């Protein structure tokens, strides 16, 4: 920018931004007035095609400075990744539930962490080799003594319906089609309540093409340095990372408007581990003990 023409240049930039906002408004009006899903489905692609590349939406709204993510739901008393685990996380006051997304042989989106159903159901088979009709009839045994209920593997639609208006979703995007996933998110009215965790490099481009405004989360490359983080963010701008544990690197991320949600879930999860993570100045914690962690934060006057 030339200093002598600085004022003129700023006016030019403001005009361009105004025109972009006007275009988005017109597209939104068309979507509402025509009542056609095709308009809404094409808005994100139109923006990307015309090099608008808007930044991600602000992260889903929460009432708390430190976000608590219930890892696979609250699953100490009920099986992980079941509707019961997500219901319990809601009741305990978590801000997010982690949802592991996978696809059946016939293209149905379901929620399960492992690629095989063996751990949860006893059947030795991969999800990708089973049709949904086979999976929906599988039973998950209870985990708590005295629990006589049986549980099942939920569909993504059922999880979205349960969470709507109650809790946000941390979507661990394992094996699924981006367009199909986003369509279900939009149909559920949850597009402002989801953060997508990326497991593969090519998933970033896929999400940016289909839903440029979807907040994205990733892990930093191992042994990242300050320059490495800046290079990473310049190539793959994300909204959240889960593995920064150095205060100098965390400061760089915060200066670039990136939040840090650390994984603290483990067999030895305890207040000392929580304190260490909190001392770094992080923004969220993923835990296997959401109720206990929330109560602990309350005793420290930070919840």
Protein backbone atom coordinates (compact mmCIF):
# COMPACT_ATOMS: atom_id res chain seq x y z
CA UNK A 1 0.00 0.00 0.00
CA UNK A 2 1.36 3.43 -0.93
CA UNK A 3 1.14 5.80 2.00
CA UNK A 4 0.26 8.77 -0.20
CA UNK A 5 -2.77 6.89 -1.51
CA UNK A 6 -3.63 5.17 1.74
CA UNK A 7 -7.01 6.84 2.16
CA UNK A 8 -8.07 6.04 -1.38
CA UNK A 9 -6.93 2.42 -1.00
CA UNK A 10 -8.88 1.97 2.25
CA UNK A 11 -12.00 3.30 0.57
CA UNK A 12 -11.48 0.80 -2.24
CA UNK A 13 -11.15 -2.10 0.21
CA UNK A 14 -14.27 -1.05 2.11
CA UNK A 15 -16.19 -0.91 -1.18
CA UNK A 16 -15.10 -4.47 -2.07
CA UNK A 17 -16.12 -5.78 1.35
CA UNK A 18 -19.49 -4.04 1.03
CA UNK A 19 -20.09 -5.64 -2.36
CA UNK A 20 -19.27 -9.09 -0.95
CA UNK A 21 -21.72 -8.59 1.92
CA UNK A 22 -24.38 -7.39 -0.54
CA UNK A 23 -23.88 -10.50 -2.69
CA UNK A 24 -24.26 -12.80 0.32
CA UNK A 25 -27.42 -10.94 1.38
CA UNK A 26 -28.96 -11.29 -2.07
CA UNK A 27 -28.18 -15.01 -2.16
CA UNK A 28 -29.69 -15.51 1.28
CA UNK A 29 -32.83 -13.61 0.18
CA UNK A 30 -33.17 -15.84 -2.87
CA UNK A 31 -32.85 -18.91 -0.68
CA UNK A 32 -35.63 -17.74 1.64
CA UNK A 33 -37.98 -16.33 -0.99
CA UNK A 34 -37.80 -19.31 -3.35
CA UNK A 35 -37.97 -21.91 -0.61
CA UNK A 36 -35.66 -24.15 -2.59
CA UNK A 37 -32.90 -26.14 -0.96
CA UNK A 38 -30.79 -25.80 -4.10
CA UNK A 39 -30.22 -22.11 -3.42
CA UNK A 40 -28.97 -22.74 0.12
CA UNK A 41 -26.83 -25.67 -0.98
CA UNK A 42 -25.09 -23.57 -3.63
CA UNK A 43 -24.33 -20.42 -1.62
CA UNK A 44 -21.13 -21.81 -0.07
CA UNK A 45 -19.89 -23.07 -3.44
CA UNK A 46 -20.66 -19.73 -5.08
CA UNK A 47 -18.59 -17.88 -2.51
CA UNK A 48 -15.66 -20.24 -2.97
CA UNK A 49 -15.85 -20.16 -6.77
CA UNK A 50 -15.68 -16.37 -6.75
CA UNK A 51 -12.63 -16.36 -4.47
CA UNK A 52 -14.49 -14.82 -1.54
CA UNK A 53 -13.10 -17.57 0.74
CA UNK A 54 -14.78 -16.23 3.88
CA UNK A 55 -13.21 -17.17 7.20
CA UNK A 56 -14.91 -19.86 9.24
CA UNK A 57 -17.92 -18.96 11.28
CA UNK A 58 -17.18 -17.98 14.82
CA UNK A 59 -17.05 -21.12 16.93
CA UNK A 60 -20.36 -22.37 18.32
CA UNK A 61 -21.55 -20.24 21.18
CA UNK A 62 -21.08 -21.46 24.73
CA UNK A 63 -21.68 -19.90 28.13
CA UNK A 64 -18.23 -20.75 29.42
CA UNK A 65 -14.71 -19.54 28.81
CA UNK A 66 -13.26 -23.05 29.17
CA UNK A 67 -15.16 -25.45 26.92
CA UNK A 68 -15.72 -28.95 28.26
CA UNK A 69 -15.91 -31.68 25.62
CA UNK A 70 -17.34 -35.02 26.70
CA UNK A 71 -15.11 -37.60 25.00
CA UNK A 72 -17.45 -40.01 23.19
CA UNK A 73 -20.16 -38.64 25.45
CA UNK A 74 -20.21 -39.22 29.19
CA UNK A 75 -19.48 -42.94 29.15
CA UNK A 76 -18.49 -44.05 32.63
CA UNK A 77 -21.97 -45.41 33.39
CA UNK A 78 -23.25 -46.10 29.87
CA UNK A 79 -21.50 -47.24 26.67
CA UNK A 80 -19.49 -44.69 24.70
CA UNK A 81 -20.87 -43.02 21.57
CA UNK A 82 -24.44 -44.05 22.36
CA UNK A 83 -27.43 -41.77 22.64
CA UNK A 84 -27.44 -42.51 26.37
CA UNK A 85 -23.84 -41.25 26.66
CA UNK A 86 -24.75 -38.04 24.88
CA UNK A 87 -27.87 -37.57 27.00
CA UNK A 88 -25.76 -37.94 30.13
CA UNK A 89 -23.22 -35.37 28.86
CA UNK A 90 -26.05 -32.92 28.29
CA UNK A 91 -27.42 -33.53 31.78
CA UNK A 92 -23.96 -33.01 33.30
CA UNK A 93 -23.53 -29.63 31.61
CA UNK A 94 -20.83 -30.29 29.01
CA UNK A 95 -20.40 -27.75 26.22
CA UNK A 96 -19.65 -30.31 23.49
CA UNK A 97 -19.94 -34.00 22.85
CA UNK A 98 -17.35 -35.74 20.71
CA UNK A 99 -18.99 -37.69 17.89
CA UNK A 100 -16.98 -40.22 15.83
CA UNK A 101 -18.38 -40.47 12.31
CA UNK A 102 -18.17 -43.52 10.04
CA UNK A 103 -19.96 -44.94 7.00
CA UNK A 104 -21.63 -48.31 6.46
CA UNK A 105 -21.24 -50.42 3.32
CA UNK A 106 -24.50 -49.03 1.94
CA UNK A 107 -23.63 -45.40 2.73
CA UNK A 108 -25.37 -44.74 6.03
CA UNK A 109 -23.60 -42.41 8.48
CA UNK A 110 -23.27 -43.91 11.94
CA UNK A 111 -21.43 -43.03 15.15
CA UNK A 112 -18.70 -45.33 16.45
CA UNK A 113 -15.05 -44.79 17.31
CA UNK A 114 -13.43 -47.98 16.02
CA UNK A 115 -13.49 -49.10 12.39
CA UNK A 116 -14.68 -52.49 13.66
CA UNK A 117 -17.82 -53.22 15.67
CA UNK A 118 -16.10 -56.01 17.65
CA UNK A 119 -15.18 -54.02 20.76
CA UNK A 120 -18.70 -52.70 21.26
CA UNK A 121 -20.87 -55.57 20.00
CA UNK A 122 -18.72 -58.71 19.93
CA UNK A 123 -19.21 -59.17 16.18
CA UNK A 124 -15.88 -59.36 14.35
CA UNK A 125 -16.55 -57.17 11.32
CA UNK A 126 -15.60 -53.82 9.85
CA UNK A 127 -18.25 -51.11 9.56
CA UNK A 128 -17.40 -50.61 5.90
CA UNK A 129 -18.30 -54.25 5.23
CA UNK A 130 -21.69 -54.13 6.95
CA UNK A 131 -24.97 -52.73 5.68
CA UNK A 132 -26.96 -50.53 8.05
CA UNK A 133 -29.69 -53.16 8.46
CA UNK A 134 -27.02 -55.46 9.94
CA UNK A 135 -25.59 -52.77 12.22
CA UNK A 136 -28.89 -51.50 13.59
CA UNK A 137 -29.67 -54.96 14.97
CA UNK A 138 -26.37 -55.28 16.84
CA UNK A 139 -26.57 -54.85 20.60
CA UNK A 140 -24.08 -53.08 22.88
CA UNK A 141 -23.75 -54.47 26.38
CA UNK A 142 -24.03 -52.15 29.40
CA UNK A 143 -20.90 -51.09 31.24
CA UNK A 144 -22.26 -50.39 34.72
CA UNK A 145 -23.00 -53.19 37.21
CA UNK A 146 -26.71 -53.78 37.53
CA UNK A 147 -27.60 -52.03 34.27
CA UNK A 148 -30.02 -54.32 32.43
CA UNK A 149 -30.53 -52.10 29.39
CA UNK A 150 -29.21 -52.88 25.96
CA UNK A 151 -27.81 -50.19 23.70
CA UNK A 152 -27.34 -49.76 19.96
CA UNK A 153 -25.07 -47.92 17.53
CA UNK A 154 -26.74 -44.59 16.70
CA UNK A 155 -27.17 -42.96 13.32
CA UNK A 156 -25.69 -39.52 12.79
CA UNK A 157 -29.19 -38.14 12.22
CA UNK A 158 -30.35 -39.37 15.63
CA UNK A 159 -27.35 -37.76 17.34
CA UNK A 160 -27.97 -34.45 15.57
CA UNK A 161 -31.63 -34.54 16.61
CA UNK A 162 -30.72 -35.29 20.23
CA UNK A 163 -28.11 -32.53 20.46
CA UNK A 164 -30.04 -29.76 18.71
CA UNK A 165 -30.66 -26.87 21.06
CA UNK A 166 -28.92 -28.66 23.93
CA UNK A 167 -25.22 -29.10 23.19
CA UNK A 168 -22.60 -28.51 20.49
CA UNK A 169 -20.87 -31.26 18.52
CA UNK A 170 -17.14 -31.88 18.17
CA UNK A 171 -17.29 -34.00 15.02
CA UNK A 172 -14.35 -36.40 14.74
CA UNK A 173 -14.53 -36.90 10.97
CA UNK A 174 -13.14 -40.40 10.54
CA UNK A 175 -14.59 -41.97 7.38
CA UNK A 176 -17.45 -40.19 5.67
CA UNK A 177 -18.50 -38.14 2.65
CA UNK A 178 -18.28 -34.40 3.30
CA UNK A 179 -21.24 -33.37 1.14
CA UNK A 180 -23.49 -36.04 2.68
CA UNK A 181 -22.39 -35.08 6.18
CA UNK A 182 -22.95 -31.37 5.69
CA UNK A 183 -26.35 -31.98 4.12
CA UNK A 184 -27.48 -33.79 7.26
CA UNK A 185 -26.00 -31.08 9.50
CA UNK A 186 -27.85 -28.41 7.55
CA UNK A 187 -31.11 -30.36 7.47
CA UNK A 188 -30.90 -30.66 11.26
CA UNK A 189 -30.30 -26.92 11.60
CA UNK A 190 -26.99 -27.60 13.35
CA UNK A 191 -24.57 -25.83 10.99
CA UNK A 192 -23.77 -23.26 13.70
CA UNK A 193 -23.24 -25.89 16.39
CA UNK A 194 -20.56 -28.14 14.92
CA UNK A 195 -16.76 -28.07 14.82
CA UNK A 196 -15.13 -30.63 12.51
CA UNK A 197 -11.92 -32.38 13.55
CA UNK A 198 -9.88 -33.36 10.48
CA UNK A 199 -8.10 -36.72 10.43
CA UNK A 200 -6.58 -36.53 6.94
CA UNK A 201 -4.96 -33.75 4.93
CA UNK A 202 -7.37 -34.04 2.00
CA UNK A 203 -10.36 -33.51 4.29
CA UNK A 204 -9.43 -29.84 4.66
CA UNK A 205 -9.93 -29.08 0.97
CA UNK A 206 -13.09 -31.17 0.85
CA UNK A 207 -14.69 -29.21 3.70
CA UNK A 208 -13.59 -25.85 2.31
CA UNK A 209 -15.17 -26.72 -1.04
CA UNK A 210 -18.48 -27.93 0.37
CA UNK A 211 -18.84 -25.69 3.45
CA UNK A 212 -16.21 -22.92 3.55
CA UNK A 213 -17.65 -21.41 6.72
CA UNK A 214 -17.59 -24.61 8.80
CA UNK A 215 -15.19 -24.25 11.76
CA UNK A 216 -12.35 -26.73 11.43
CA UNK A 217 -9.98 -28.31 13.92
CA UNK A 218 -6.72 -30.19 13.42
CA UNK A 219 -3.56 -31.38 15.13
CA UNK A 220 -0.34 -29.44 14.63
CA UNK A 221 2.55 -31.31 12.99
CA UNK A 222 4.79 -33.04 15.51
CA UNK A 223 7.59 -30.94 17.02
CA UNK A 224 6.10 -27.73 15.66
CA UNK A 225 8.13 -24.55 16.05
CA UNK A 226 6.94 -20.95 15.95
CA UNK A 227 7.80 -20.64 12.24
CA UNK A 228 6.30 -24.07 11.60
CA UNK A 229 2.99 -23.05 13.16
CA UNK A 230 2.84 -19.87 11.10
CA UNK A 231 3.53 -21.87 7.94
CA UNK A 232 0.88 -24.44 8.90
CA UNK A 233 -1.74 -21.76 9.51
CA UNK A 234 -0.91 -19.96 6.27
CA UNK A 235 -1.62 -23.15 4.32
CA UNK A 236 -4.45 -24.60 6.39
CA UNK A 237 -6.18 -21.92 8.46
CA UNK A 238 -8.10 -23.67 11.22
CA UNK A 239 -10.09 -22.49 14.21
CA UNK A 240 -8.91 -24.97 16.84
CA UNK A 241 -5.92 -27.25 17.47
CA UNK A 242 -5.67 -30.00 20.06
CA UNK A 243 -1.98 -30.53 20.74
CA UNK A 244 -0.19 -27.28 21.62
CA UNK A 245 1.37 -27.57 25.08
CA UNK A 246 3.96 -24.81 25.05
CA UNK A 247 2.93 -21.34 26.21
CA UNK A 248 4.96 -19.54 23.54
CA UNK A 249 3.29 -21.58 20.81
CA UNK A 250 -0.11 -21.12 22.43
CA UNK A 251 0.43 -17.35 22.37
CA UNK A 252 1.15 -17.51 18.65
CA UNK A 253 -2.03 -19.50 18.08
CA UNK A 254 -4.11 -17.09 20.15
CA UNK A 255 -2.65 -14.15 18.25
CA UNK A 256 -3.88 -15.86 15.10
CA UNK A 257 -7.35 -16.34 16.61
CA UNK A 258 -6.91 -20.11 17.01
CA UNK A 259 -8.19 -21.83 20.15
CA UNK A 260 -6.53 -24.77 21.92
CA UNK A 261 -8.66 -27.66 23.16
CA UNK A 262 -6.41 -30.20 24.83
CA UNK A 263 -7.11 -33.90 25.27
CA UNK A 264 -6.87 -34.81 28.94
CA UNK A 265 -8.90 -37.99 28.79
CA UNK A 266 -6.93 -40.94 30.12
CA UNK A 267 -6.93 -43.70 32.71
CA UNK A 268 -5.08 -41.45 35.16
CA UNK A 269 -7.12 -38.29 34.54
CA UNK A 270 -7.11 -36.20 37.72
CA UNK A 271 -7.09 -32.61 39.06
CA UNK A 272 -3.30 -32.36 38.77
CA UNK A 273 -3.53 -33.10 35.06
CA UNK A 274 -6.36 -30.59 34.68
CA UNK A 275 -4.36 -27.92 36.51
CA UNK A 276 -1.36 -28.40 34.27
CA UNK A 277 -3.51 -27.96 31.16
CA UNK A 278 -5.30 -24.92 32.61
CA UNK A 279 -1.97 -23.28 33.51
CA UNK A 280 -1.10 -23.15 29.80
CA UNK A 281 -3.97 -20.80 29.05
CA UNK A 282 -5.94 -23.22 26.91
CA UNK A 283 -9.56 -22.75 25.81
CA UNK A 284 -11.06 -26.22 26.15
CA UNK A 285 -10.56 -29.70 27.60
CA UNK A 286 -11.73 -33.04 26.25
CA UNK A 287 -12.40 -35.38 29.14
CA UNK A 288 -13.74 -38.78 30.14
CA UNK A 289 -15.01 -37.20 33.39
CA UNK A 290 -17.13 -34.20 32.36
CA UNK A 291 -19.19 -34.02 35.56
CA UNK A 292 -16.15 -34.14 37.86
CA UNK A 293 -14.18 -31.66 35.75
CA UNK A 294 -17.06 -29.20 35.66
CA UNK A 295 -17.41 -29.37 39.45
CA UNK A 296 -13.67 -28.88 39.81
CA UNK A 297 -13.75 -25.78 37.61
CA UNK A 298 -16.57 -24.42 39.75
CA UNK A 299 -14.43 -24.77 42.88
CA UNK A 300 -11.75 -22.71 41.14
CA UNK A 301 -14.31 -20.04 40.19
CA UNK A 302 -13.71 -20.47 36.47
CA UNK A 303 -17.02 -22.11 35.58
